């Protein structure tokens, strides 16, 4: 009879530990999944913003280049007019 009570307590303890470990593993896996999903979404957001900023910078540099090119062209025309007319 004592043996049966001891076995019953031991079985309950083992089941409790099994449930605790199983829940811990499930919570860890779900937590890791949520973490990596959010991290991936943040990386995509950062990449999109960086790409947008890079495109804006490219357009600004292109405008600046075209303005300077036009300035040099006008300066060359003016110099040609001054020296040859």
PDB file of N, CA and C in Angstrom:
ATOM      1  N   UNK A   1       0.809  -1.189   0.000  1.00  0.00           N
ATOM      2  CA  UNK A   1       0.000   0.000   0.000  1.00  0.00           C
ATOM      3  C   UNK A   1       0.856   1.257   0.000  1.00  0.00           C
ATOM      4  N   UNK A   2       1.915   1.235   0.793  1.00  0.00           N
ATOM      5  CA  UNK A   2       2.821   2.381   0.833  1.00  0.00           C
ATOM      6  C   UNK A   2       3.504   2.525  -0.519  1.00  0.00           C
ATOM      7  N   UNK A   3       3.845   1.431  -1.081  1.00  0.00           N
ATOM      8  CA  UNK A   3       4.477   1.435  -2.391  1.00  0.00           C
ATOM      9  C   UNK A   3       3.560   2.061  -3.443  1.00  0.00           C
ATOM     10  N   UNK A   4       2.278   1.765  -3.377  1.00  0.00           N
ATOM     11  CA  UNK A   4       1.305   2.289  -4.330  1.00  0.00           C
ATOM     12  C   UNK A   4       1.164   3.805  -4.192  1.00  0.00           C
ATOM     13  N   UNK A   5       1.150   4.306  -2.958  1.00  0.00           N
ATOM     14  CA  UNK A   5       1.065   5.748  -2.723  1.00  0.00           C
ATOM     15  C   UNK A   5       2.324   6.451  -3.242  1.00  0.00           C
ATOM     16  N   UNK A   6       3.452   5.845  -3.000  1.00  0.00           N
ATOM     17  CA  UNK A   6       4.723   6.405  -3.451  1.00  0.00           C
ATOM     18  C   UNK A   6       4.780   6.433  -4.975  1.00  0.00           C
ATOM     19  N   UNK A   7       4.323   5.380  -5.599  1.00  0.00           N
ATOM     20  CA  UNK A   7       4.290   5.311  -7.064  1.00  0.00           C
ATOM     21  C   UNK A   7       3.332   6.355  -7.617  1.00  0.00           C
ATOM     22  N   UNK A   8       2.177   6.525  -6.961  1.00  0.00           N
ATOM     23  CA  UNK A   8       1.185   7.505  -7.392  1.00  0.00           C
ATOM     24  C   UNK A   8       1.749   8.926  -7.298  1.00  0.00           C
ATOM     25  N   UNK A   9       2.410   9.250  -6.187  1.00  0.00           N
ATOM     26  CA  UNK A   9       3.028  10.559  -6.023  1.00  0.00           C
ATOM     27  C   UNK A   9       4.140  10.767  -7.055  1.00  0.00           C
ATOM     28  N   UNK A  10       4.926   9.751  -7.266  1.00  0.00           N
ATOM     29  CA  UNK A  10       6.009   9.827  -8.237  1.00  0.00           C
ATOM     30  C   UNK A  10       5.456  10.053  -9.646  1.00  0.00           C
ATOM     31  N   UNK A  11       4.381   9.360  -9.972  1.00  0.00           N
ATOM     32  CA  UNK A  11       3.755   9.511 -11.286  1.00  0.00           C
ATOM     33  C   UNK A  11       3.194  10.919 -11.457  1.00  0.00           C
ATOM     34  N   UNK A  12       2.534  11.453 -10.415  1.00  0.00           N
ATOM     35  CA  UNK A  12       1.998  12.814 -10.471  1.00  0.00           C
ATOM     36  C   UNK A  12       3.127  13.833 -10.641  1.00  0.00           C
ATOM     37  N   UNK A  13       4.208  13.629  -9.932  1.00  0.00           N
ATOM     38  CA  UNK A  13       5.356  14.524 -10.037  1.00  0.00           C
ATOM     39  C   UNK A  13       5.949  14.492 -11.446  1.00  0.00           C
ATOM     40  N   UNK A  14       6.083  13.306 -11.985  1.00  0.00           N
ATOM     41  CA  UNK A  14       6.626  13.156 -13.342  1.00  0.00           C
ATOM     42  C   UNK A  14       5.712  13.821 -14.370  1.00  0.00           C
ATOM     43  N   UNK A  15       4.395  13.652 -14.213  1.00  0.00           N
ATOM     44  CA  UNK A  15       3.448  14.263 -15.143  1.00  0.00           C
ATOM     45  C   UNK A  15       3.496  15.787 -15.039  1.00  0.00           C
ATOM     46  N   UNK A  16       3.603  16.294 -13.817  1.00  0.00           N
ATOM     47  CA  UNK A  16       3.691  17.744 -13.614  1.00  0.00           C
ATOM     48  C   UNK A  16       4.947  18.299 -14.273  1.00  0.00           C
ATOM     49  N   UNK A  17       6.055  17.619 -14.069  1.00  0.00           N
ATOM     50  CA  UNK A  17       7.305  18.054 -14.688  1.00  0.00           C
ATOM     51  C   UNK A  17       7.229  17.982 -16.209  1.00  0.00           C
ATOM     52  N   UNK A  18       6.608  16.923 -16.726  1.00  0.00           N
ATOM     53  CA  UNK A  18       6.451  16.774 -18.169  1.00  0.00           C
ATOM     54  C   UNK A  18       5.604  17.899 -18.748  1.00  0.00           C
ATOM     55  N   UNK A  19       4.517  18.226 -18.078  1.00  0.00           N
ATOM     56  CA  UNK A  19       3.656  19.324 -18.534  1.00  0.00           C
ATOM     57  C   UNK A  19       4.410  20.651 -18.470  1.00  0.00           C
ATOM     58  N   UNK A  20       5.137  20.880 -17.385  1.00  0.00           N
ATOM     59  CA  UNK A  20       5.910  22.110 -17.234  1.00  0.00           C
ATOM     60  C   UNK A  20       6.964  22.238 -18.326  1.00  0.00           C
ATOM     61  N   UNK A  21       7.686  21.197 -18.585  1.00  0.00           N
ATOM     62  CA  UNK A  21       8.725  21.222 -19.622  1.00  0.00           C
ATOM     63  C   UNK A  21       8.106  21.421 -21.001  1.00  0.00           C
ATOM     64  N   UNK A  22       6.992  20.740 -21.276  1.00  0.00           N
ATOM     65  CA  UNK A  22       6.326  20.870 -22.569  1.00  0.00           C
ATOM     66  C   UNK A  22       5.840  22.300 -22.787  1.00  0.00           C
ATOM     67  N   UNK A  23       5.202  22.876 -21.776  1.00  0.00           N
ATOM     68  CA  UNK A  23       4.718  24.264 -21.885  1.00  0.00           C
ATOM     69  C   UNK A  23       5.896  25.217 -22.058  1.00  0.00           C
ATOM     70  N   UNK A  24       6.969  24.985 -21.348  1.00  0.00           N
ATOM     71  CA  UNK A  24       8.155  25.841 -21.478  1.00  0.00           C
ATOM     72  C   UNK A  24       8.717  25.782 -22.894  1.00  0.00           C
ATOM     73  N   UNK A  25       8.801  24.610 -23.445  1.00  0.00           N
ATOM     74  CA  UNK A  25       9.321  24.457 -24.813  1.00  0.00           C
ATOM     75  C   UNK A  25       8.404  25.148 -25.815  1.00  0.00           C
ATOM     76  N   UNK A  26       7.093  24.962 -25.662  1.00  0.00           N
ATOM     77  CA  UNK A  26       6.139  25.595 -26.583  1.00  0.00           C
ATOM     78  C   UNK A  26       6.227  27.116 -26.492  1.00  0.00           C
ATOM     79  N   UNK A  27       6.285  27.645 -25.284  1.00  0.00           N
ATOM     80  CA  UNK A  27       6.393  29.097 -25.101  1.00  0.00           C
ATOM     81  C   UNK A  27       7.702  29.613 -25.706  1.00  0.00           C
ATOM     82  N   UNK A  28       8.777  28.889 -25.526  1.00  0.00           N
ATOM     83  CA  UNK A  28      10.067  29.303 -26.088  1.00  0.00           C
ATOM     84  C   UNK A  28      10.023  29.323 -27.609  1.00  0.00           C
ATOM     85  N   UNK A  29       9.445  28.303 -28.203  1.00  0.00           N
ATOM     86  CA  UNK A  29       9.374  28.229 -29.669  1.00  0.00           C
ATOM     87  C   UNK A  29       8.493  29.344 -30.224  1.00  0.00           C
ATOM     88  N   UNK A  30       7.335  29.561 -29.607  1.00  0.00           N
ATOM     89  CA  UNK A  30       6.436  30.626 -30.060  1.00  0.00           C
ATOM     90  C   UNK A  30       7.109  31.989 -29.875  1.00  0.00           C
ATOM     91  N   UNK A  31       7.758  32.195 -28.755  1.00  0.00           N
ATOM     92  CA  UNK A  31       8.465  33.462 -28.513  1.00  0.00           C
ATOM     93  C   UNK A  31       9.559  33.706 -29.538  1.00  0.00           C
ATOM     94  N   UNK A  32      10.325  32.676 -29.843  1.00  0.00           N
ATOM     95  CA  UNK A  32      11.385  32.819 -30.846  1.00  0.00           C
ATOM     96  C   UNK A  32      10.786  33.114 -32.217  1.00  0.00           C
ATOM     97  N   UNK A  33       9.679  32.467 -32.542  1.00  0.00           N
ATOM     98  CA  UNK A  33       9.019  32.727 -33.822  1.00  0.00           C
ATOM     99  C   UNK A  33       8.544  34.157 -33.924  1.00  0.00           C
ATOM    100  N   UNK A  34       7.922  34.664 -32.879  1.00  0.00           N
ATOM    101  CA  UNK A  34       7.453  36.057 -32.875  1.00  0.00           C
ATOM    102  C   UNK A  34       8.632  37.009 -32.977  1.00  0.00           C
ATOM    103  N   UNK A  35       9.700  36.731 -32.228  1.00  0.00           N
ATOM    104  CA  UNK A  35      10.897  37.588 -32.270  1.00  0.00           C
ATOM    105  C   UNK A  35      11.473  37.665 -33.678  1.00  0.00           C
ATOM    106  N   UNK A  36      11.661  36.515 -34.324  1.00  0.00           N
ATOM    107  CA  UNK A  36      12.260  36.511 -35.657  1.00  0.00           C
ATOM    108  C   UNK A  36      11.330  37.128 -36.700  1.00  0.00           C
ATOM    109  N   UNK A  37      10.029  36.968 -36.530  1.00  0.00           N
ATOM    110  CA  UNK A  37       9.083  37.596 -37.461  1.00  0.00           C
ATOM    111  C   UNK A  37       9.166  39.118 -37.356  1.00  0.00           C
ATOM    112  N   UNK A  38       9.171  39.635 -36.139  1.00  0.00           N
ATOM    113  CA  UNK A  38       9.277  41.090 -35.949  1.00  0.00           C
ATOM    114  C   UNK A  38      10.622  41.607 -36.430  1.00  0.00           C
ATOM    115  N   UNK A  39      11.664  40.873 -36.167  1.00  0.00           N
ATOM    116  CA  UNK A  39      12.992  41.300 -36.614  1.00  0.00           C
ATOM    117  C   UNK A  39      13.051  41.369 -38.133  1.00  0.00           C
ATOM    118  N   UNK A  40      12.476  40.379 -38.797  1.00  0.00           N
ATOM    119  CA  UNK A  40      12.446  40.365 -40.260  1.00  0.00           C
ATOM    120  C   UNK A  40      11.634  41.548 -40.785  1.00  0.00           C
ATOM    121  N   UNK A  41      10.504  41.831 -40.156  1.00  0.00           N
ATOM    122  CA  UNK A  41       9.668  42.967 -40.586  1.00  0.00           C
ATOM    123  C   UNK A  41      10.414  44.282 -40.391  1.00  0.00           C
ATOM    124  N   UNK A  42      11.138  44.419 -39.298  1.00  0.00           N
ATOM    125  CA  UNK A  42      11.913  45.638 -39.060  1.00  0.00           C
ATOM    126  C   UNK A  42      13.035  45.782 -40.080  1.00  0.00           C
ATOM    127  N   UNK A  43      13.699  44.686 -40.418  1.00  0.00           N
ATOM    128  CA  UNK A  43      14.767  44.741 -41.414  1.00  0.00           C
ATOM    129  C   UNK A  43      14.213  45.158 -42.773  1.00  0.00           C
ATOM    130  N   UNK A  44      13.038  44.641 -43.136  1.00  0.00           N
ATOM    131  CA  UNK A  44      12.422  45.033 -44.399  1.00  0.00           C
ATOM    132  C   UNK A  44      12.085  46.514 -44.376  1.00  0.00           C
ATOM    133  N   UNK A  45      11.560  46.997 -43.255  1.00  0.00           N
ATOM    134  CA  UNK A  45      11.215  48.409 -43.136  1.00  0.00           C
ATOM    135  C   UNK A  45      12.462  49.284 -43.273  1.00  0.00           C
ATOM    136  N   UNK A  46      13.524  48.895 -42.608  1.00  0.00           N
ATOM    137  CA  UNK A  46      14.779  49.650 -42.682  1.00  0.00           C
ATOM    138  C   UNK A  46      15.324  49.631 -44.106  1.00  0.00           C
ATOM    139  N   UNK A  47      15.286  48.471 -44.759  1.00  0.00           N
ATOM    140  CA  UNK A  47      15.776  48.375 -46.132  1.00  0.00           C
ATOM    141  C   UNK A  47      14.973  49.260 -47.075  1.00  0.00           C
ATOM    142  N   UNK A  48      13.654  49.299 -46.906  1.00  0.00           N
ATOM    143  CA  UNK A  48      12.821  50.143 -47.754  1.00  0.00           C
ATOM    144  C   UNK A  48      13.147  51.617 -47.540  1.00  0.00           C
ATOM    145  N   UNK A  49      13.299  52.022 -46.280  1.00  0.00           N
ATOM    146  CA  UNK A  49      13.626  53.428 -45.998  1.00  0.00           C
ATOM    147  C   UNK A  49      15.004  53.788 -46.534  1.00  0.00           C
ATOM    148  N   UNK A  50      15.986  52.903 -46.363  1.00  0.00           N
ATOM    149  CA  UNK A  50      17.325  53.175 -46.884  1.00  0.00           C
ATOM    150  C   UNK A  50      17.317  53.276 -48.402  1.00  0.00           C
ATOM    151  N   UNK A  51      16.566  52.406 -49.052  1.00  0.00           N
ATOM    152  CA  UNK A  51      16.471  52.450 -50.507  1.00  0.00           C
ATOM    153  C   UNK A  51      15.836  53.761 -50.955  1.00  0.00           C
ATOM    154  N   UNK A  52      14.795  54.199 -50.270  1.00  0.00           N
ATOM    155  CA  UNK A  52      14.134  55.460 -50.598  1.00  0.00           C
ATOM    156  C   UNK A  52      15.090  56.634 -50.414  1.00  0.00           C
ATOM    157  N   UNK A  53      15.822  56.633 -49.303  1.00  0.00           N
ATOM    158  CA  UNK A  53      16.777  57.715 -49.053  1.00  0.00           C
ATOM    159  C   UNK A  53      17.901  57.705 -50.084  1.00  0.00           C
ATOM    160  N   UNK A  54      18.353  56.521 -50.466  1.00  0.00           N
ATOM    161  CA  UNK A  54      19.400  56.418 -51.481  1.00  0.00           C
ATOM    162  C   UNK A  54      18.914  56.940 -52.825  1.00  0.00           C
ATOM    163  N   UNK A  55      17.675  56.627 -53.185  1.00  0.00           N
ATOM    164  CA  UNK A  55      17.123  57.139 -54.431  1.00  0.00           C
ATOM    165  C   UNK A  55      17.001  58.654 -54.392  1.00  0.00           C
ATOM    166  N   UNK A  56      16.560  59.204 -53.251  1.00  0.00           N
ATOM    167  CA  UNK A  56      16.465  60.659 -53.110  1.00  0.00           C
ATOM    168  C   UNK A  56      17.840  61.309 -53.247  1.00  0.00           C
ATOM    169  N   UNK A  57      18.856  60.699 -52.613  1.00  0.00           N
ATOM    170  CA  UNK A  57      20.208  61.244 -52.707  1.00  0.00           C
ATOM    171  C   UNK A  57      20.713  61.190 -54.148  1.00  0.00           C
ATOM    172  N   UNK A  58      20.418  60.107 -54.839  1.00  0.00           N
ATOM    173  CA  UNK A  58      20.821  59.977 -56.237  1.00  0.00           C
ATOM    174  C   UNK A  58      20.194  61.088 -57.080  1.00  0.00           C
ATOM    175  N   UNK A  59      18.909  61.348 -56.867  1.00  0.00           N
ATOM    176  CA  UNK A  59      18.242  62.406 -57.631  1.00  0.00           C
ATOM    177  C   UNK A  59      18.819  63.781 -57.307  1.00  0.00           C
ATOM    178  N   UNK A  60      19.155  64.014 -56.038  1.00  0.00           N
ATOM    179  CA  UNK A  60      19.767  65.293 -55.668  1.00  0.00           C
ATOM    180  C   UNK A  60      21.129  65.449 -56.336  1.00  0.00           C
ATOM    181  N   UNK A  61      21.931  64.395 -56.318  1.00  0.00           N
ATOM    182  CA  UNK A  61      23.247  64.460 -56.954  1.00  0.00           C
ATOM    183  C   UNK A  61      23.117  64.631 -58.463  1.00  0.00           C
ATOM    184  N   UNK A  62      22.141  63.974 -59.048  1.00  0.00           N
ATOM    185  CA  UNK A  62      21.915  64.097 -60.483  1.00  0.00           C
ATOM    186  C   UNK A  62      21.517  65.531 -60.847  1.00  0.00           C
ATOM    187  N   UNK A  63      20.639  66.135 -60.037  1.00  0.00           N
ATOM    188  CA  UNK A  63      20.253  67.528 -60.282  1.00  0.00           C
ATOM    189  C   UNK A  63      21.453  68.466 -60.134  1.00  0.00           C
ATOM    190  N   UNK A  64      22.235  68.252 -59.086  1.00  0.00           N
ATOM    191  CA  UNK A  64      23.417  69.080 -58.866  1.00  0.00           C
ATOM    192  C   UNK A  64      24.403  68.932 -60.021  1.00  0.00           C
ATOM    193  N   UNK A  65      24.606  67.698 -60.468  1.00  0.00           N
ATOM    194  CA  UNK A  65      25.506  67.450 -61.595  1.00  0.00           C
ATOM    195  C   UNK A  65      25.010  68.162 -62.858  1.00  0.00           C
ATOM    196  N   UNK A  66      23.722  68.048 -63.131  1.00  0.00           N
ATOM    197  CA  UNK A  66      23.167  68.692 -64.322  1.00  0.00           C
ATOM    198  C   UNK A  66      23.256  70.212 -64.237  1.00  0.00           C
ATOM    199  N   UNK A  67      23.038  70.777 -63.050  1.00  0.00           N
ATOM    200  CA  UNK A  67      23.173  72.228 -62.880  1.00  0.00           C
ATOM    201  C   UNK A  67      24.606  72.667 -63.118  1.00  0.00           C
ATOM    202  N   UNK A  68      25.558  71.935 -62.565  1.00  0.00           N
ATOM    203  CA  UNK A  68      26.971  72.298 -62.754  1.00  0.00           C
ATOM    204  C   UNK A  68      27.394  72.106 -64.213  1.00  0.00           C
ATOM    205  N   UNK A  69      26.882  71.068 -64.842  1.00  0.00           N
ATOM    206  CA  UNK A  69      27.188  70.834 -66.249  1.00  0.00           C
ATOM    207  C   UNK A  69      26.656  71.990 -67.096  1.00  0.00           C
ATOM    208  N   UNK A  70      25.454  72.440 -66.797  1.00  0.00           N
ATOM    209  CA  UNK A  70      24.870  73.577 -67.521  1.00  0.00           C
ATOM    210  C   UNK A  70      25.677  74.847 -67.255  1.00  0.00           C
ATOM    211  N   UNK A  71      26.138  75.033 -66.003  1.00  0.00           N
ATOM    212  CA  UNK A  71      26.949  76.194 -65.657  1.00  0.00           C
ATOM    213  C   UNK A  71      28.261  76.177 -66.446  1.00  0.00           C
ATOM    214  N   UNK A  72      28.914  75.022 -66.508  1.00  0.00           N
ATOM    215  CA  UNK A  72      30.179  74.905 -67.255  1.00  0.00           C
ATOM    216  C   UNK A  72      29.931  75.147 -68.742  1.00  0.00           C
ATOM    217  N   UNK A  73      28.845  74.617 -69.254  1.00  0.00           N
ATOM    218  CA  UNK A  73      28.516  74.822 -70.671  1.00  0.00           C
ATOM    219  C   UNK A  73      28.305  76.303 -70.951  1.00  0.00           C
ATOM    220  N   UNK A  74      27.546  76.978 -70.102  1.00  0.00           N
ATOM    221  CA  UNK A  74      27.317  78.416 -70.283  1.00  0.00           C
ATOM    222  C   UNK A  74      28.617  79.204 -70.150  1.00  0.00           C
ATOM    223  N   UNK A  75      29.469  78.797 -69.226  1.00  0.00           N
ATOM    224  CA  UNK A  75      30.764  79.467 -69.052  1.00  0.00           C
ATOM    225  C   UNK A  75      31.629  79.285 -70.292  1.00  0.00           C
ATOM    226  N   UNK A  76      31.599  78.099 -70.881  1.00  0.00           N
ATOM    227  CA  UNK A  76      32.383  77.861 -72.089  1.00  0.00           C
ATOM    228  C   UNK A  76      31.857  78.707 -73.252  1.00  0.00           C
ATOM    229  N   UNK A  77      30.555  78.818 -73.362  1.00  0.00           N
ATOM    230  CA  UNK A  77      29.965  79.651 -74.428  1.00  0.00           C
ATOM    231  C   UNK A  77      30.349  81.112 -74.213  1.00  0.00           C
ATOM    232  N   UNK A  78      30.278  81.563 -72.959  1.00  0.00           N
ATOM    233  CA  UNK A  78      30.631  82.946 -72.652  1.00  0.00           C
ATOM    234  C   UNK A  78      32.113  83.191 -72.939  1.00  0.00           C
ATOM    235  N   UNK A  79      32.972  82.259 -72.547  1.00  0.00           N
ATOM    236  CA  UNK A  79      34.405  82.404 -72.798  1.00  0.00           C
ATOM    237  C   UNK A  79      34.669  82.402 -74.306  1.00  0.00           C
ATOM    238  N   UNK A  80      33.988  81.560 -75.024  1.00  0.00           N
ATOM    239  CA  UNK A  80      34.155  81.537 -76.488  1.00  0.00           C
ATOM    240  C   UNK A  80      33.729  82.852 -77.092  1.00  0.00           C
ATOM    241  N   UNK A  81      32.624  83.406 -76.625  1.00  0.00           N
ATOM    242  CA  UNK A  81      32.163  84.697 -77.130  1.00  0.00           C
ATOM    243  C   UNK A  81      33.153  85.805 -76.796  1.00  0.00           C
ATOM    244  N   UNK A  82      33.717  85.772 -75.570  1.00  0.00           N
ATOM    245  CA  UNK A  82      34.651  86.824 -75.163  1.00  0.00           C
ATOM    246  C   UNK A  82      35.950  86.746 -75.959  1.00  0.00           C
ATOM    247  N   UNK A  83      36.490  85.579 -76.133  1.00  0.00           N
ATOM    248  CA  UNK A  83      37.792  85.432 -76.773  1.00  0.00           C
ATOM    249  C   UNK A  83      37.726  85.471 -78.283  1.00  0.00           C
ATOM    250  N   UNK A  84      36.627  85.046 -78.885  1.00  0.00           N
ATOM    251  CA  UNK A  84      36.585  84.943 -80.334  1.00  0.00           C
ATOM    252  C   UNK A  84      35.669  85.982 -80.984  1.00  0.00           C
ATOM    253  N   UNK A  85      35.041  86.821 -80.249  1.00  0.00           N
ATOM    254  CA  UNK A  85      34.196  87.870 -80.851  1.00  0.00           C
ATOM    255  C   UNK A  85      34.640  89.230 -80.487  1.00  0.00           C
TER     256      UNK A  85
END
